[in-house]
Amino acid sequence: MSEAFISIKSVADLHRFYNYESPKHPLITVIDLKNVSRSDENFADYLYSLDLYTIVYKKI
């Protein structure tokens, strides 16, 4: 099992990583992870780093 490392440097990169529509603003975005479609079956094999600030809201 090999793990792929991905460096995400922008909001646009994040949208591409999640196969999400293009961002409407280059610096700010809201992504509903329920609507994210990952075509890769081995999504768990990805390691990634974000070169941007994130705020995550998780409903428990």
N, C-alpha and C. Protein backbone atom coordinates (compact mmCIF):
# COMPACT_ATOMS: atom_id res chain seq x y z
N MET A 1 0.85 -1.18 0.00
CA MET A 1 0.00 0.00 0.00
C MET A 1 0.89 1.24 0.00
N SER A 2 0.82 2.03 -1.05
CA SER A 2 1.62 3.25 -1.11
C SER A 2 0.71 4.45 -0.88
N GLU A 3 1.24 5.41 -0.15
CA GLU A 3 0.46 6.60 0.15
C GLU A 3 0.94 7.75 -0.72
N ALA A 4 0.03 8.45 -1.32
CA ALA A 4 0.36 9.61 -2.15
C ALA A 4 0.32 10.85 -1.28
N PHE A 5 1.30 11.74 -1.45
CA PHE A 5 1.33 13.00 -0.70
C PHE A 5 0.98 14.13 -1.66
N ILE A 6 0.02 14.94 -1.25
CA ILE A 6 -0.44 16.06 -2.08
C ILE A 6 -0.31 17.34 -1.27
N SER A 7 0.28 18.36 -1.88
CA SER A 7 0.40 19.67 -1.26
C SER A 7 -0.66 20.59 -1.87
N ILE A 8 -1.57 21.07 -1.04
CA ILE A 8 -2.65 21.95 -1.50
C ILE A 8 -2.28 23.37 -1.12
N LYS A 9 -2.04 24.21 -2.12
CA LYS A 9 -1.52 25.55 -1.89
C LYS A 9 -2.55 26.67 -2.07
N SER A 10 -3.74 26.34 -2.56
CA SER A 10 -4.73 27.38 -2.79
C SER A 10 -6.14 26.80 -2.68
N VAL A 11 -7.10 27.69 -2.62
CA VAL A 11 -8.51 27.29 -2.60
C VAL A 11 -8.85 26.51 -3.87
N ALA A 12 -8.32 26.95 -5.00
CA ALA A 12 -8.57 26.26 -6.27
C ALA A 12 -8.00 24.84 -6.23
N ASP A 13 -6.81 24.66 -5.64
CA ASP A 13 -6.23 23.32 -5.49
C ASP A 13 -7.13 22.44 -4.63
N LEU A 14 -7.67 23.00 -3.57
CA LEU A 14 -8.56 22.24 -2.68
C LEU A 14 -9.81 21.79 -3.43
N HIS A 15 -10.37 22.67 -4.23
CA HIS A 15 -11.55 22.31 -5.02
C HIS A 15 -11.21 21.20 -6.02
N ARG A 16 -10.05 21.28 -6.65
CA ARG A 16 -9.64 20.23 -7.59
C ARG A 16 -9.43 18.90 -6.87
N PHE A 17 -8.83 18.94 -5.68
CA PHE A 17 -8.58 17.73 -4.90
C PHE A 17 -9.89 17.01 -4.58
N TYR A 18 -10.92 17.77 -4.25
CA TYR A 18 -12.22 17.19 -3.90
C TYR A 18 -13.14 17.01 -5.11
N ASN A 19 -12.63 17.27 -6.32
CA ASN A 19 -13.47 17.21 -7.54
C ASN A 19 -14.72 18.06 -7.36
N TYR A 20 -14.53 19.24 -6.82
CA TYR A 20 -15.62 20.17 -6.52
C TYR A 20 -15.65 21.25 -7.60
N GLU A 21 -16.77 21.92 -7.75
CA GLU A 21 -16.89 22.99 -8.74
C GLU A 21 -15.86 24.10 -8.47
N SER A 22 -15.57 24.90 -9.46
CA SER A 22 -14.59 25.97 -9.32
C SER A 22 -15.01 26.96 -8.24
N PRO A 23 -14.04 27.47 -7.47
CA PRO A 23 -14.40 28.42 -6.41
C PRO A 23 -14.89 29.75 -6.99
N LYS A 24 -15.82 30.36 -6.30
CA LYS A 24 -16.35 31.66 -6.73
C LYS A 24 -15.45 32.81 -6.28
N HIS A 25 -14.63 32.56 -5.25
CA HIS A 25 -13.70 33.56 -4.72
C HIS A 25 -12.34 32.88 -4.55
N PRO A 26 -11.24 33.55 -4.89
CA PRO A 26 -9.93 32.89 -4.83
C PRO A 26 -9.39 32.66 -3.42
N LEU A 27 -9.94 33.34 -2.41
CA LEU A 27 -9.39 33.24 -1.06
C LEU A 27 -10.33 32.62 -0.03
N ILE A 28 -11.63 32.60 -0.31
CA ILE A 28 -12.62 32.13 0.66
C ILE A 28 -13.54 31.12 -0.01
N THR A 29 -13.83 30.03 0.69
CA THR A 29 -14.76 29.05 0.14
C THR A 29 -15.48 28.31 1.26
N VAL A 30 -16.59 27.73 0.92
CA VAL A 30 -17.32 26.83 1.81
C VAL A 30 -17.56 25.56 1.02
N ILE A 31 -17.11 24.44 1.57
CA ILE A 31 -17.30 23.15 0.91
C ILE A 31 -18.10 22.26 1.84
N ASP A 32 -19.24 21.80 1.36
CA ASP A 32 -20.05 20.85 2.11
C ASP A 32 -19.55 19.46 1.73
N LEU A 33 -18.88 18.78 2.65
CA LEU A 33 -18.27 17.50 2.34
C LEU A 33 -19.28 16.41 2.01
N LYS A 34 -20.55 16.63 2.34
CA LYS A 34 -21.57 15.68 1.92
C LYS A 34 -21.75 15.70 0.41
N ASN A 35 -21.41 16.83 -0.23
CA ASN A 35 -21.59 16.97 -1.67
C ASN A 35 -20.32 16.69 -2.47
N VAL A 36 -19.26 16.30 -1.78
CA VAL A 36 -17.99 16.03 -2.45
C VAL A 36 -18.02 14.62 -3.01
N SER A 37 -17.62 14.51 -4.26
CA SER A 37 -17.57 13.22 -4.92
C SER A 37 -16.12 12.85 -5.16
N ARG A 38 -15.66 11.79 -4.54
CA ARG A 38 -14.29 11.30 -4.76
C ARG A 38 -14.38 10.08 -5.67
N SER A 39 -13.76 10.17 -6.83
CA SER A 39 -13.78 9.05 -7.76
C SER A 39 -12.78 7.97 -7.38
N ASP A 40 -11.75 8.33 -6.59
CA ASP A 40 -10.74 7.36 -6.18
C ASP A 40 -11.28 6.48 -5.07
N GLU A 41 -11.15 5.17 -5.25
CA GLU A 41 -11.58 4.25 -4.21
C GLU A 41 -10.62 4.25 -3.04
N ASN A 42 -9.36 4.64 -3.28
CA ASN A 42 -8.33 4.62 -2.25
C ASN A 42 -8.12 5.99 -1.63
N PHE A 43 -9.20 6.71 -1.40
CA PHE A 43 -9.10 8.06 -0.85
C PHE A 43 -8.35 8.07 0.48
N ALA A 44 -8.48 7.00 1.25
CA ALA A 44 -7.81 6.92 2.55
C ALA A 44 -6.30 6.85 2.40
N ASP A 45 -5.80 6.52 1.22
CA ASP A 45 -4.37 6.41 1.00
C ASP A 45 -3.69 7.75 0.74
N TYR A 46 -4.45 8.84 0.69
CA TYR A 46 -3.88 10.15 0.41
C TYR A 46 -3.47 10.85 1.70
N LEU A 47 -2.29 11.41 1.71
CA LEU A 47 -1.84 12.33 2.75
C LEU A 47 -1.77 13.69 2.09
N TYR A 48 -2.21 14.73 2.78
CA TYR A 48 -2.14 16.05 2.18
C TYR A 48 -1.82 17.10 3.22
N SER A 49 -1.22 18.19 2.75
CA SER A 49 -0.96 19.34 3.60
C SER A 49 -1.64 20.54 2.97
N LEU A 50 -2.15 21.40 3.84
CA LEU A 50 -2.82 22.62 3.39
C LEU A 50 -1.94 23.82 3.69
N ASP A 51 -1.66 24.61 2.67
CA ASP A 51 -0.93 25.86 2.85
C ASP A 51 -1.91 27.03 2.95
N LEU A 52 -3.00 26.79 3.66
CA LEU A 52 -4.01 27.82 3.87
C LEU A 52 -4.74 27.52 5.18
N TYR A 53 -5.41 28.52 5.71
CA TYR A 53 -6.15 28.35 6.95
C TYR A 53 -7.48 27.67 6.66
N THR A 54 -7.91 26.82 7.60
CA THR A 54 -9.20 26.16 7.46
C THR A 54 -9.98 26.25 8.76
N ILE A 55 -11.27 26.31 8.62
CA ILE A 55 -12.19 26.21 9.75
C ILE A 55 -13.13 25.07 9.41
N VAL A 56 -13.22 24.11 10.31
CA VAL A 56 -14.06 22.95 10.05
C VAL A 56 -15.17 22.91 11.09
N TYR A 57 -16.39 22.76 10.61
CA TYR A 57 -17.55 22.64 11.48
C TYR A 57 -18.06 21.21 11.34
N LYS A 58 -18.13 20.50 12.44
CA LYS A 58 -18.60 19.13 12.41
C LYS A 58 -19.77 19.00 13.37
N LYS A 59 -20.88 18.58 12.82
CA LYS A 59 -22.08 18.37 13.63
C LYS A 59 -21.99 16.99 14.26
N ILE A 60 -22.05 16.95 15.58
CA ILE A 60 -21.95 15.68 16.30
C ILE A 60 -23.31 15.25 16.80
